[in-house]
């Protein structure tokens, strides 16, 4: 079924987006902490 294939592709895509968002958040937190240390 092409529909099922599309659905599994969408699930994989959403997992990828979630992973990217969490890694970006970690990077953002890391940068903020570095900036805080520099300011002090």
Protein backbone atom coordinates (compact mmCIF):
# COMPACT_ATOMS: atom_id res chain seq x y z
CA UNK A 1 0.00 0.00 0.00
CA UNK A 2 1.45 3.38 -1.00
CA UNK A 3 -0.52 4.99 1.84
CA UNK A 4 1.18 2.82 4.46
CA UNK A 5 4.56 3.57 2.93
CA UNK A 6 3.79 7.29 3.05
CA UNK A 7 2.66 6.97 6.66
CA UNK A 8 5.88 5.20 7.71
CA UNK A 9 7.89 7.81 5.81
CA UNK A 10 6.04 10.59 7.64
CA UNK A 11 6.66 8.88 10.99
CA UNK A 12 10.38 8.64 10.20
CA UNK A 13 10.38 12.29 9.11
CA UNK A 14 8.65 13.46 12.31
CA UNK A 15 11.15 11.45 14.40
CA UNK A 16 13.98 13.17 12.51
CA UNK A 17 12.43 16.61 13.13
CA UNK A 18 11.99 15.83 16.85
CA UNK A 19 15.63 14.72 17.14
CA UNK A 20 16.78 17.86 15.32
CA UNK A 21 14.70 20.09 17.60
CA UNK A 22 16.05 18.46 20.77
CA UNK A 23 19.65 18.72 19.54
CA UNK A 24 19.09 22.38 18.62
CA UNK A 25 17.67 23.01 22.10
CA UNK A 26 20.71 21.37 23.69
CA UNK A 27 22.99 23.53 21.54
CA UNK A 28 20.99 26.64 22.47
CA UNK A 29 21.28 25.83 26.20
CA UNK A 30 25.02 25.17 25.80
CA UNK A 31 25.54 28.53 24.05
CA UNK A 32 23.49 30.37 26.68
CA UNK A 33 25.55 28.83 29.48
CA UNK A 34 28.78 29.86 27.73
CA UNK A 35 27.48 33.42 27.34
CA UNK A 36 26.49 33.55 31.02
CA UNK A 37 29.99 32.43 32.06
CA UNK A 38 31.60 35.07 29.82
CA UNK A 39 29.38 37.81 31.26
CA UNK A 40 30.40 37.03 34.86
